[in-house]
Amino acid sequence: MGQVPYQSYAATEAHAERFLAKYDPSDTIPVPIEMIVEHELHLDIVPVPGLFRRVGVTGFLSNDCQEIFVDQFDFERHEARYRFTLAHEVGHLVLHGTFYREAKIRSSADFLRFREAILAEDLERLEIQAMNFAGAVLMPRGPLQALLASFGVSRADLVKLGSAVARRFFVSTGAADRRMRLSGLLRI
């Protein structure tokens, strides 16, 4: 397998914007990521009991880029986490599809072997890029900017703001905080 090329946050966000323009041109909020995955990308979502406990991840993309395996508990009970997992794995498809196709991932065991076989810096780059993509897909710049502009925000208000963004875009507060910080939209 080759190395994972560096991609800036702005470049990753641009990929996310092109993805949304193609698959959600109506700018629906919250972004209907599950519908996009199943009906537009034609990927199968496969819930796996105990995936996080056994493998340490909430989801992974198969090497043929036809299935997204997700932790069944998140699938059934943590919709915001599940939505982020889907967007994250779509990020791998969009940004790293060629790399994944070379990996031969068809099971949890294959995924563990894949993670052990690649360089730590490549794994970190894969995950950060997919995480950034997921945040940009689920919290598109335009709607996020409009929401942030509607708040008169001070540093003391950031916790409340993160919760408000998380509720509006149906993501976790951690994902909302990361997206706000990296997007450059907050000037505090």
N, C-alpha and C. Protein backbone atom coordinates (compact mmCIF):
# COMPACT_ATOMS: atom_id res chain seq x y z
N MET A 1 0.83 -1.19 0.00
CA MET A 1 0.00 0.00 0.00
C MET A 1 0.87 1.24 0.00
N GLY A 2 0.41 2.25 -0.69
CA GLY A 2 1.14 3.50 -0.75
C GLY A 2 0.88 4.35 0.48
N GLN A 3 1.56 5.47 0.54
CA GLN A 3 1.36 6.40 1.64
C GLN A 3 0.11 7.22 1.41
N VAL A 4 -0.48 7.68 2.51
CA VAL A 4 -1.65 8.54 2.44
C VAL A 4 -1.16 9.97 2.30
N PRO A 5 -1.52 10.64 1.21
CA PRO A 5 -1.04 12.01 1.03
C PRO A 5 -1.67 12.98 2.02
N TYR A 6 -0.89 14.00 2.39
CA TYR A 6 -1.40 15.06 3.25
C TYR A 6 -2.47 15.83 2.50
N GLN A 7 -3.51 16.23 3.23
CA GLN A 7 -4.57 17.06 2.67
C GLN A 7 -4.95 18.09 3.72
N SER A 8 -4.95 19.34 3.37
CA SER A 8 -5.28 20.39 4.33
C SER A 8 -6.76 20.32 4.72
N TYR A 9 -7.08 20.99 5.81
CA TYR A 9 -8.47 21.06 6.24
C TYR A 9 -9.33 21.71 5.15
N ALA A 10 -8.82 22.78 4.55
CA ALA A 10 -9.57 23.47 3.50
C ALA A 10 -9.84 22.55 2.31
N ALA A 11 -8.87 21.74 1.94
CA ALA A 11 -9.05 20.81 0.82
C ALA A 11 -10.08 19.74 1.17
N THR A 12 -10.02 19.25 2.40
CA THR A 12 -10.99 18.25 2.85
C THR A 12 -12.39 18.85 2.87
N GLU A 13 -12.51 20.08 3.36
CA GLU A 13 -13.80 20.76 3.38
C GLU A 13 -14.33 20.97 1.96
N ALA A 14 -13.45 21.28 1.02
CA ALA A 14 -13.87 21.44 -0.38
C ALA A 14 -14.42 20.13 -0.94
N HIS A 15 -13.78 19.00 -0.60
CA HIS A 15 -14.32 17.69 -1.02
C HIS A 15 -15.72 17.49 -0.44
N ALA A 16 -15.90 17.85 0.82
CA ALA A 16 -17.20 17.70 1.47
C ALA A 16 -18.25 18.58 0.79
N GLU A 17 -17.88 19.80 0.44
CA GLU A 17 -18.83 20.70 -0.22
C GLU A 17 -19.24 20.15 -1.59
N ARG A 18 -18.30 19.60 -2.34
CA ARG A 18 -18.63 18.99 -3.64
C ARG A 18 -19.52 17.77 -3.44
N PHE A 19 -19.22 16.98 -2.42
CA PHE A 19 -20.03 15.80 -2.10
C PHE A 19 -21.48 16.23 -1.82
N LEU A 20 -21.66 17.24 -0.97
CA LEU A 20 -23.01 17.71 -0.64
C LEU A 20 -23.72 18.31 -1.85
N ALA A 21 -23.00 19.04 -2.69
CA ALA A 21 -23.61 19.62 -3.88
C ALA A 21 -24.16 18.53 -4.79
N LYS A 22 -23.47 17.40 -4.82
CA LYS A 22 -23.90 16.29 -5.66
C LYS A 22 -25.01 15.46 -5.02
N TYR A 23 -24.88 15.16 -3.72
CA TYR A 23 -25.79 14.20 -3.09
C TYR A 23 -26.87 14.81 -2.21
N ASP A 24 -26.76 16.08 -1.88
CA ASP A 24 -27.81 16.76 -1.10
C ASP A 24 -27.93 18.21 -1.57
N PRO A 25 -28.28 18.40 -2.84
CA PRO A 25 -28.33 19.76 -3.38
C PRO A 25 -29.41 20.63 -2.74
N SER A 26 -30.36 20.03 -2.03
CA SER A 26 -31.42 20.81 -1.39
C SER A 26 -30.97 21.39 -0.04
N ASP A 27 -29.73 21.09 0.37
CA ASP A 27 -29.17 21.62 1.62
C ASP A 27 -30.03 21.27 2.84
N THR A 28 -30.46 20.04 2.93
CA THR A 28 -31.26 19.57 4.06
C THR A 28 -30.44 19.57 5.34
N ILE A 29 -31.02 20.09 6.42
CA ILE A 29 -30.38 20.05 7.74
C ILE A 29 -31.39 19.43 8.70
N PRO A 30 -31.03 18.42 9.45
CA PRO A 30 -29.73 17.74 9.41
C PRO A 30 -29.55 16.99 8.09
N VAL A 31 -28.30 16.89 7.67
CA VAL A 31 -27.96 16.21 6.42
C VAL A 31 -28.43 14.76 6.52
N PRO A 32 -29.17 14.27 5.53
CA PRO A 32 -29.70 12.90 5.56
C PRO A 32 -28.64 11.86 5.17
N ILE A 33 -27.61 11.75 5.98
CA ILE A 33 -26.45 10.93 5.62
C ILE A 33 -26.80 9.46 5.41
N GLU A 34 -27.68 8.91 6.23
CA GLU A 34 -28.04 7.50 6.05
C GLU A 34 -28.72 7.29 4.69
N MET A 35 -29.62 8.19 4.34
CA MET A 35 -30.29 8.08 3.05
C MET A 35 -29.29 8.22 1.89
N ILE A 36 -28.35 9.15 2.02
CA ILE A 36 -27.33 9.32 0.99
C ILE A 36 -26.50 8.04 0.85
N VAL A 37 -26.09 7.48 1.98
CA VAL A 37 -25.27 6.25 1.96
C VAL A 37 -26.01 5.12 1.26
N GLU A 38 -27.26 4.91 1.64
CA GLU A 38 -28.00 3.77 1.10
C GLU A 38 -28.55 4.00 -0.30
N HIS A 39 -29.14 5.17 -0.54
CA HIS A 39 -29.87 5.38 -1.79
C HIS A 39 -29.09 6.10 -2.88
N GLU A 40 -28.11 6.88 -2.52
CA GLU A 40 -27.31 7.58 -3.52
C GLU A 40 -25.99 6.86 -3.79
N LEU A 41 -25.32 6.43 -2.73
CA LEU A 41 -24.04 5.74 -2.89
C LEU A 41 -24.20 4.23 -3.04
N HIS A 42 -25.40 3.74 -2.71
CA HIS A 42 -25.73 2.31 -2.82
C HIS A 42 -24.80 1.43 -2.00
N LEU A 43 -24.50 1.90 -0.79
CA LEU A 43 -23.69 1.13 0.14
C LEU A 43 -24.60 0.40 1.11
N ASP A 44 -24.22 -0.79 1.50
CA ASP A 44 -24.94 -1.52 2.53
C ASP A 44 -24.40 -1.11 3.89
N ILE A 45 -25.29 -0.86 4.82
CA ILE A 45 -24.92 -0.57 6.21
C ILE A 45 -25.11 -1.87 6.98
N VAL A 46 -24.03 -2.36 7.57
CA VAL A 46 -24.05 -3.66 8.24
C VAL A 46 -23.79 -3.46 9.73
N PRO A 47 -24.85 -3.54 10.58
CA PRO A 47 -24.63 -3.45 12.03
C PRO A 47 -23.91 -4.70 12.54
N VAL A 48 -22.91 -4.50 13.39
CA VAL A 48 -22.12 -5.61 13.93
C VAL A 48 -22.18 -5.54 15.46
N PRO A 49 -22.74 -6.55 16.12
CA PRO A 49 -22.79 -6.55 17.59
C PRO A 49 -21.38 -6.49 18.18
N GLY A 50 -21.16 -5.57 19.12
CA GLY A 50 -19.91 -5.49 19.84
C GLY A 50 -18.71 -5.03 19.02
N LEU A 51 -18.94 -4.37 17.90
CA LEU A 51 -17.82 -3.95 17.04
C LEU A 51 -16.83 -3.07 17.80
N PHE A 52 -17.32 -2.06 18.49
CA PHE A 52 -16.41 -1.16 19.20
C PHE A 52 -15.63 -1.90 20.28
N ARG A 53 -16.30 -2.76 21.01
CA ARG A 53 -15.65 -3.52 22.07
C ARG A 53 -14.56 -4.43 21.52
N ARG A 54 -14.82 -5.06 20.38
CA ARG A 54 -13.85 -6.02 19.80
C ARG A 54 -12.73 -5.36 19.01
N VAL A 55 -13.04 -4.29 18.28
CA VAL A 55 -12.08 -3.73 17.34
C VAL A 55 -11.60 -2.33 17.74
N GLY A 56 -12.40 -1.63 18.55
CA GLY A 56 -11.99 -0.30 18.99
C GLY A 56 -12.41 0.82 18.07
N VAL A 57 -13.30 0.53 17.12
CA VAL A 57 -13.84 1.56 16.23
C VAL A 57 -15.35 1.39 16.14
N THR A 58 -16.04 2.48 15.80
CA THR A 58 -17.50 2.41 15.68
C THR A 58 -17.95 2.06 14.27
N GLY A 59 -17.00 2.00 13.34
CA GLY A 59 -17.36 1.62 11.98
C GLY A 59 -16.12 1.48 11.11
N PHE A 60 -16.29 0.78 9.99
CA PHE A 60 -15.22 0.73 8.99
C PHE A 60 -15.80 0.42 7.62
N LEU A 61 -15.07 0.82 6.61
CA LEU A 61 -15.46 0.66 5.21
C LEU A 61 -14.81 -0.60 4.67
N SER A 62 -15.58 -1.41 3.94
CA SER A 62 -15.00 -2.61 3.33
C SER A 62 -14.07 -2.21 2.19
N ASN A 63 -13.16 -3.10 1.84
CA ASN A 63 -12.17 -2.77 0.80
C ASN A 63 -12.81 -2.57 -0.57
N ASP A 64 -13.94 -3.21 -0.83
CA ASP A 64 -14.59 -3.01 -2.13
C ASP A 64 -15.47 -1.77 -2.13
N CYS A 65 -15.48 -1.08 -0.99
CA CYS A 65 -16.24 0.17 -0.83
C CYS A 65 -17.72 -0.03 -1.13
N GLN A 66 -18.23 -1.20 -0.73
CA GLN A 66 -19.64 -1.51 -0.93
C GLN A 66 -20.42 -1.61 0.38
N GLU A 67 -19.70 -1.71 1.50
CA GLU A 67 -20.35 -1.87 2.80
C GLU A 67 -19.69 -0.98 3.84
N ILE A 68 -20.52 -0.49 4.74
CA ILE A 68 -20.02 0.19 5.93
C ILE A 68 -20.49 -0.64 7.12
N PHE A 69 -19.54 -1.17 7.86
CA PHE A 69 -19.83 -1.93 9.06
C PHE A 69 -19.90 -0.93 10.22
N VAL A 70 -20.95 -1.01 11.02
CA VAL A 70 -21.14 -0.08 12.14
C VAL A 70 -21.44 -0.85 13.42
N ASP A 71 -21.06 -0.25 14.53
CA ASP A 71 -21.38 -0.86 15.82
C ASP A 71 -22.89 -0.89 16.00
N GLN A 72 -23.43 -2.05 16.30
CA GLN A 72 -24.88 -2.21 16.41
C GLN A 72 -25.47 -1.36 17.53
N PHE A 73 -24.77 -1.21 18.64
CA PHE A 73 -25.27 -0.40 19.75
C PHE A 73 -25.47 1.05 19.30
N ASP A 74 -24.48 1.61 18.61
CA ASP A 74 -24.62 2.98 18.09
C ASP A 74 -25.74 3.05 17.06
N PHE A 75 -25.83 2.07 16.20
CA PHE A 75 -26.87 1.99 15.17
C PHE A 75 -28.26 2.06 15.79
N GLU A 76 -28.43 1.35 16.91
CA GLU A 76 -29.74 1.27 17.55
C GLU A 76 -30.01 2.37 18.57
N ARG A 77 -28.95 2.91 19.23
CA ARG A 77 -29.20 3.76 20.39
C ARG A 77 -28.50 5.12 20.39
N HIS A 78 -27.50 5.32 19.56
CA HIS A 78 -26.78 6.60 19.55
C HIS A 78 -26.77 7.17 18.14
N GLU A 79 -27.90 7.75 17.77
CA GLU A 79 -28.06 8.19 16.39
C GLU A 79 -27.04 9.25 15.96
N ALA A 80 -26.72 10.20 16.83
CA ALA A 80 -25.74 11.23 16.46
C ALA A 80 -24.37 10.59 16.19
N ARG A 81 -23.96 9.67 17.04
CA ARG A 81 -22.68 8.97 16.86
C ARG A 81 -22.70 8.13 15.58
N TYR A 82 -23.83 7.44 15.36
CA TYR A 82 -24.01 6.61 14.17
C TYR A 82 -23.92 7.47 12.90
N ARG A 83 -24.58 8.63 12.91
CA ARG A 83 -24.54 9.53 11.75
C ARG A 83 -23.11 9.98 11.46
N PHE A 84 -22.36 10.31 12.53
CA PHE A 84 -20.98 10.74 12.33
C PHE A 84 -20.14 9.58 11.79
N THR A 85 -20.37 8.38 12.28
CA THR A 85 -19.65 7.21 11.79
C THR A 85 -19.89 7.02 10.29
N LEU A 86 -21.15 7.13 9.87
CA LEU A 86 -21.45 6.99 8.44
C LEU A 86 -20.71 8.05 7.62
N ALA A 87 -20.78 9.30 8.06
CA ALA A 87 -20.11 10.39 7.34
C ALA A 87 -18.60 10.18 7.33
N HIS A 88 -18.06 9.69 8.42
CA HIS A 88 -16.62 9.42 8.53
C HIS A 88 -16.21 8.35 7.51
N GLU A 89 -16.97 7.29 7.45
CA GLU A 89 -16.64 6.20 6.52
C GLU A 89 -16.84 6.64 5.07
N VAL A 90 -17.82 7.50 4.82
CA VAL A 90 -17.98 8.07 3.48
C VAL A 90 -16.75 8.93 3.16
N GLY A 91 -16.22 9.60 4.18
CA GLY A 91 -14.98 10.36 4.00
C GLY A 91 -13.85 9.46 3.52
N HIS A 92 -13.74 8.28 4.11
CA HIS A 92 -12.73 7.33 3.64
C HIS A 92 -12.98 6.95 2.17
N LEU A 93 -14.24 6.74 1.82
CA LEU A 93 -14.58 6.39 0.44
C LEU A 93 -14.18 7.51 -0.52
N VAL A 94 -14.57 8.73 -0.19
CA VAL A 94 -14.31 9.87 -1.07
C VAL A 94 -12.83 10.22 -1.13
N LEU A 95 -12.19 10.25 0.02
CA LEU A 95 -10.80 10.71 0.09
C LEU A 95 -9.77 9.60 -0.11
N HIS A 96 -10.14 8.37 0.28
CA HIS A 96 -9.14 7.29 0.33
C HIS A 96 -9.61 6.01 -0.37
N GLY A 97 -10.57 6.12 -1.28
CA GLY A 97 -11.15 4.93 -1.92
C GLY A 97 -10.11 4.01 -2.53
N THR A 98 -9.15 4.56 -3.24
CA THR A 98 -8.11 3.74 -3.86
C THR A 98 -7.28 3.01 -2.81
N PHE A 99 -6.92 3.72 -1.77
CA PHE A 99 -6.14 3.13 -0.68
C PHE A 99 -6.92 1.97 -0.04
N TYR A 100 -8.22 2.17 0.20
CA TYR A 100 -9.03 1.12 0.82
C TYR A 100 -9.20 -0.09 -0.09
N ARG A 101 -9.36 0.15 -1.37
CA ARG A 101 -9.54 -0.97 -2.30
C ARG A 101 -8.32 -1.90 -2.29
N GLU A 102 -7.15 -1.36 -2.02
CA GLU A 102 -5.92 -2.17 -1.94
C GLU A 102 -5.84 -2.96 -0.64
N ALA A 103 -6.65 -2.61 0.36
CA ALA A 103 -6.49 -3.14 1.71
C ALA A 103 -7.11 -4.51 1.95
N LYS A 104 -8.05 -4.93 1.15
CA LYS A 104 -8.70 -6.25 1.30
C LYS A 104 -9.42 -6.41 2.65
N ILE A 105 -10.24 -5.43 3.03
CA ILE A 105 -10.97 -5.47 4.30
C ILE A 105 -12.37 -6.01 4.05
N ARG A 106 -12.67 -7.18 4.60
CA ARG A 106 -14.00 -7.78 4.48
C ARG A 106 -14.57 -8.19 5.83
N SER A 107 -13.78 -8.06 6.89
CA SER A 107 -14.24 -8.48 8.21
C SER A 107 -13.54 -7.65 9.29
N SER A 108 -13.97 -7.82 10.53
CA SER A 108 -13.33 -7.15 11.66
C SER A 108 -11.86 -7.56 11.77
N ALA A 109 -11.59 -8.83 11.56
CA ALA A 109 -10.21 -9.33 11.64
C ALA A 109 -9.35 -8.70 10.54
N ASP A 110 -9.91 -8.59 9.33
CA ASP A 110 -9.19 -7.94 8.24
C ASP A 110 -8.89 -6.49 8.58
N PHE A 111 -9.86 -5.83 9.19
CA PHE A 111 -9.68 -4.43 9.56
C PHE A 111 -8.54 -4.28 10.57
N LEU A 112 -8.50 -5.17 11.56
CA LEU A 112 -7.41 -5.12 12.55
C LEU A 112 -6.06 -5.34 11.88
N ARG A 113 -5.99 -6.29 10.96
CA ARG A 113 -4.73 -6.54 10.24
C ARG A 113 -4.32 -5.30 9.43
N PHE A 114 -5.29 -4.68 8.79
CA PHE A 114 -5.03 -3.46 8.02
C PHE A 114 -4.45 -2.37 8.91
N ARG A 115 -5.07 -2.15 10.07
CA ARG A 115 -4.60 -1.10 10.98
C ARG A 115 -3.19 -1.39 11.50
N GLU A 116 -2.88 -2.65 11.71
CA GLU A 116 -1.55 -3.02 12.19
C GLU A 116 -0.50 -2.91 11.09
N ALA A 117 -0.91 -3.07 9.83
CA ALA A 117 0.04 -3.11 8.72
C ALA A 117 0.47 -1.74 8.21
N ILE A 118 -0.34 -0.72 8.43
CA ILE A 118 0.03 0.59 7.88
C ILE A 118 0.80 1.40 8.92
N LEU A 119 1.54 2.34 8.43
CA LEU A 119 2.33 3.21 9.30
C LEU A 119 1.42 4.04 10.19
N ALA A 120 1.87 4.31 11.40
CA ALA A 120 1.09 5.09 12.35
C ALA A 120 0.72 6.46 11.78
N GLU A 121 1.65 7.09 11.08
CA GLU A 121 1.36 8.43 10.52
C GLU A 121 0.32 8.34 9.41
N ASP A 122 0.31 7.24 8.65
CA ASP A 122 -0.72 7.07 7.61
C ASP A 122 -2.07 6.83 8.26
N LEU A 123 -2.11 6.01 9.30
CA LEU A 123 -3.37 5.75 10.00
C LEU A 123 -3.92 7.04 10.59
N GLU A 124 -3.06 7.82 11.23
CA GLU A 124 -3.50 9.08 11.81
C GLU A 124 -4.03 10.02 10.72
N ARG A 125 -3.34 10.09 9.61
CA ARG A 125 -3.77 10.96 8.50
C ARG A 125 -5.11 10.50 7.93
N LEU A 126 -5.27 9.19 7.76
CA LEU A 126 -6.55 8.64 7.28
C LEU A 126 -7.69 9.07 8.20
N GLU A 127 -7.47 8.89 9.49
CA GLU A 127 -8.54 9.15 10.46
C GLU A 127 -8.85 10.64 10.61
N ILE A 128 -7.83 11.46 10.65
CA ILE A 128 -8.06 12.91 10.79
C ILE A 128 -8.78 13.45 9.56
N GLN A 129 -8.34 13.03 8.38
CA GLN A 129 -8.99 13.51 7.16
C GLN A 129 -10.45 13.08 7.10
N ALA A 130 -10.73 11.82 7.45
CA ALA A 130 -12.11 11.34 7.43
C ALA A 130 -12.95 12.05 8.50
N MET A 131 -12.37 12.32 9.66
CA MET A 131 -13.08 13.04 10.72
C MET A 131 -13.41 14.46 10.26
N ASN A 132 -12.45 15.12 9.63
CA ASN A 132 -12.68 16.49 9.14
C ASN A 132 -13.75 16.51 8.05
N PHE A 133 -13.71 15.52 7.17
CA PHE A 133 -14.71 15.40 6.11
C PHE A 133 -16.10 15.22 6.72
N ALA A 134 -16.20 14.32 7.70
CA ALA A 134 -17.49 14.06 8.33
C ALA A 134 -18.06 15.32 8.97
N GLY A 135 -17.23 16.07 9.67
CA GLY A 135 -17.70 17.30 10.29
C GLY A 135 -18.18 18.30 9.26
N ALA A 136 -17.45 18.42 8.15
CA ALA A 136 -17.83 19.37 7.10
C ALA A 136 -19.09 18.93 6.36
N VAL A 137 -19.30 17.62 6.23
CA VAL A 137 -20.53 17.12 5.58
C VAL A 137 -21.74 17.33 6.49
N LEU A 138 -21.61 16.96 7.75
CA LEU A 138 -22.76 17.04 8.65
C LEU A 138 -23.07 18.45 9.12
N MET A 139 -22.07 19.33 9.06
CA MET A 139 -22.25 20.73 9.46
C MET A 139 -21.71 21.62 8.35
N PRO A 140 -22.45 21.71 7.24
CA PRO A 140 -21.97 22.48 6.09
C PRO A 140 -21.67 23.94 6.45
N ARG A 141 -20.67 24.49 5.81
CA ARG A 141 -20.18 25.84 6.12
C ARG A 141 -21.29 26.89 6.10
N GLY A 142 -22.09 26.95 5.06
CA GLY A 142 -23.12 27.99 4.95
C GLY A 142 -24.10 27.97 6.12
N PRO A 143 -24.78 26.85 6.35
CA PRO A 143 -25.71 26.79 7.48
C PRO A 143 -25.02 26.97 8.83
N LEU A 144 -23.81 26.45 8.97
CA LEU A 144 -23.07 26.63 10.22
C LEU A 144 -22.74 28.11 10.43
N GLN A 145 -22.29 28.76 9.40
CA GLN A 145 -21.96 30.19 9.48
C GLN A 145 -23.20 31.00 9.84
N ALA A 146 -24.33 30.68 9.24
CA ALA A 146 -25.58 31.39 9.54
C ALA A 146 -25.98 31.19 11.01
N LEU A 147 -25.84 29.98 11.50
CA LEU A 147 -26.20 29.72 12.89
C LEU A 147 -25.26 30.46 13.84
N LEU A 148 -23.96 30.39 13.56
CA LEU A 148 -23.00 31.07 14.43
C LEU A 148 -23.21 32.59 14.41
N ALA A 149 -23.57 33.15 13.26
CA ALA A 149 -23.80 34.59 13.15
C ALA A 149 -25.02 35.03 13.95
N SER A 150 -25.94 34.09 14.19
CA SER A 150 -27.14 34.44 14.94
C SER A 150 -26.90 34.54 16.44
N PHE A 151 -25.71 34.12 16.88
CA PHE A 151 -25.34 34.18 18.28
C PHE A 151 -24.37 35.34 18.51
N GLY A 152 -24.54 36.10 19.58
CA GLY A 152 -23.52 37.05 20.01
C GLY A 152 -22.65 36.29 20.99
N VAL A 153 -21.54 35.77 20.54
CA VAL A 153 -20.79 34.79 21.32
C VAL A 153 -19.56 35.37 22.00
N SER A 154 -19.42 35.05 23.26
CA SER A 154 -18.19 35.32 23.99
C SER A 154 -17.57 33.96 24.34
N ARG A 155 -16.36 33.97 24.86
CA ARG A 155 -15.73 32.70 25.25
C ARG A 155 -16.58 31.94 26.26
N ALA A 156 -17.25 32.64 27.16
CA ALA A 156 -18.09 31.98 28.16
C ALA A 156 -19.28 31.27 27.54
N ASP A 157 -19.68 31.70 26.34
CA ASP A 157 -20.84 31.11 25.67
C ASP A 157 -20.50 29.90 24.81
N LEU A 158 -19.22 29.56 24.69
CA LEU A 158 -18.82 28.50 23.76
C LEU A 158 -19.44 27.14 24.09
N VAL A 159 -19.57 26.83 25.36
CA VAL A 159 -20.18 25.55 25.74
C VAL A 159 -21.63 25.51 25.27
N LYS A 160 -22.36 26.58 25.51
CA LYS A 160 -23.75 26.64 25.06
C LYS A 160 -23.83 26.62 23.54
N LEU A 161 -22.91 27.29 22.90
CA LEU A 161 -22.90 27.33 21.44
C LEU A 161 -22.65 25.94 20.87
N GLY A 162 -21.69 25.20 21.44
CA GLY A 162 -21.42 23.84 20.98
C GLY A 162 -22.65 22.96 21.10
N SER A 163 -23.39 23.12 22.18
CA SER A 163 -24.63 22.35 22.37
C SER A 163 -25.68 22.74 21.34
N ALA A 164 -25.79 24.04 21.07
CA ALA A 164 -26.77 24.51 20.09
C ALA A 164 -26.44 24.00 18.68
N VAL A 165 -25.17 24.04 18.31
CA VAL A 165 -24.75 23.53 17.01
C VAL A 165 -25.01 22.03 16.93
N ALA A 166 -24.68 21.31 18.00
CA ALA A 166 -24.90 19.86 18.02
C ALA A 166 -26.38 19.53 17.84
N ARG A 167 -27.25 20.27 18.50
CA ARG A 167 -28.69 20.02 18.36
C ARG A 167 -29.17 20.34 16.94
N ARG A 168 -28.71 21.44 16.38
CA ARG A 168 -29.17 21.88 15.06
C ARG A 168 -28.76 20.89 13.96
N PHE A 169 -27.54 20.38 14.05
CA PHE A 169 -27.02 19.51 12.99
C PHE A 169 -27.08 18.03 13.36
N PHE A 170 -27.60 17.74 14.54
CA PHE A 170 -27.75 16.38 15.05
C PHE A 170 -26.43 15.62 15.01
N VAL A 171 -25.46 16.21 15.73
CA VAL A 171 -24.13 15.61 15.91
C VAL A 171 -23.79 15.71 17.39
N SER A 172 -22.69 15.14 17.80
CA SER A 172 -22.25 15.25 19.19
C SER A 172 -21.67 16.64 19.44
N THR A 173 -21.62 17.05 20.71
CA THR A 173 -21.02 18.35 21.02
C THR A 173 -19.53 18.33 20.71
N GLY A 174 -18.87 17.19 20.87
CA GLY A 174 -17.46 17.09 20.51
C GLY A 174 -17.24 17.35 19.02
N ALA A 175 -18.09 16.77 18.18
CA ALA A 175 -17.98 17.00 16.73
C ALA A 175 -18.28 18.46 16.41
N ALA A 176 -19.27 19.03 17.07
CA ALA A 176 -19.61 20.44 16.84
C ALA A 176 -18.45 21.35 17.26
N ASP A 177 -17.88 21.10 18.42
CA ASP A 177 -16.76 21.92 18.90
C ASP A 177 -15.57 21.85 17.93
N ARG A 178 -15.25 20.64 17.47
CA ARG A 178 -14.12 20.47 16.54
C ARG A 178 -14.38 21.20 15.23
N ARG A 179 -15.58 21.07 14.71
CA ARG A 179 -15.92 21.72 13.43
C ARG A 179 -15.85 23.24 13.58
N MET A 180 -16.39 23.78 14.66
CA MET A 180 -16.35 25.23 14.86
C MET A 180 -14.90 25.72 14.96
N ARG A 181 -14.09 24.98 15.69
CA ARG A 181 -12.69 25.37 15.89
C ARG A 181 -11.91 25.33 14.58
N LEU A 182 -12.07 24.26 13.81
CA LEU A 182 -11.29 24.09 12.58
C LEU A 182 -11.82 24.90 11.40
N SER A 183 -13.09 25.24 11.41
CA SER A 183 -13.69 25.92 10.26
C SER A 183 -13.20 27.35 10.10
N GLY A 184 -12.70 27.94 11.18
CA GLY A 184 -12.27 29.33 11.12
C GLY A 184 -13.44 30.30 11.18
N LEU A 185 -14.62 29.82 11.45
CA LEU A 185 -15.80 30.68 11.48
C LEU A 185 -15.95 31.44 12.79
N LEU A 186 -15.36 30.93 13.86
CA LEU A 186 -15.42 31.63 15.15
C LEU A 186 -14.24 32.57 15.28
N ARG A 187 -14.49 33.78 15.59
CA ARG A 187 -13.43 34.78 15.74
C ARG A 187 -13.41 35.32 17.16
N ILE A 188 -13.11 34.42 18.10
CA ILE A 188 -13.10 34.83 19.51
C ILE A 188 -11.70 34.78 20.04
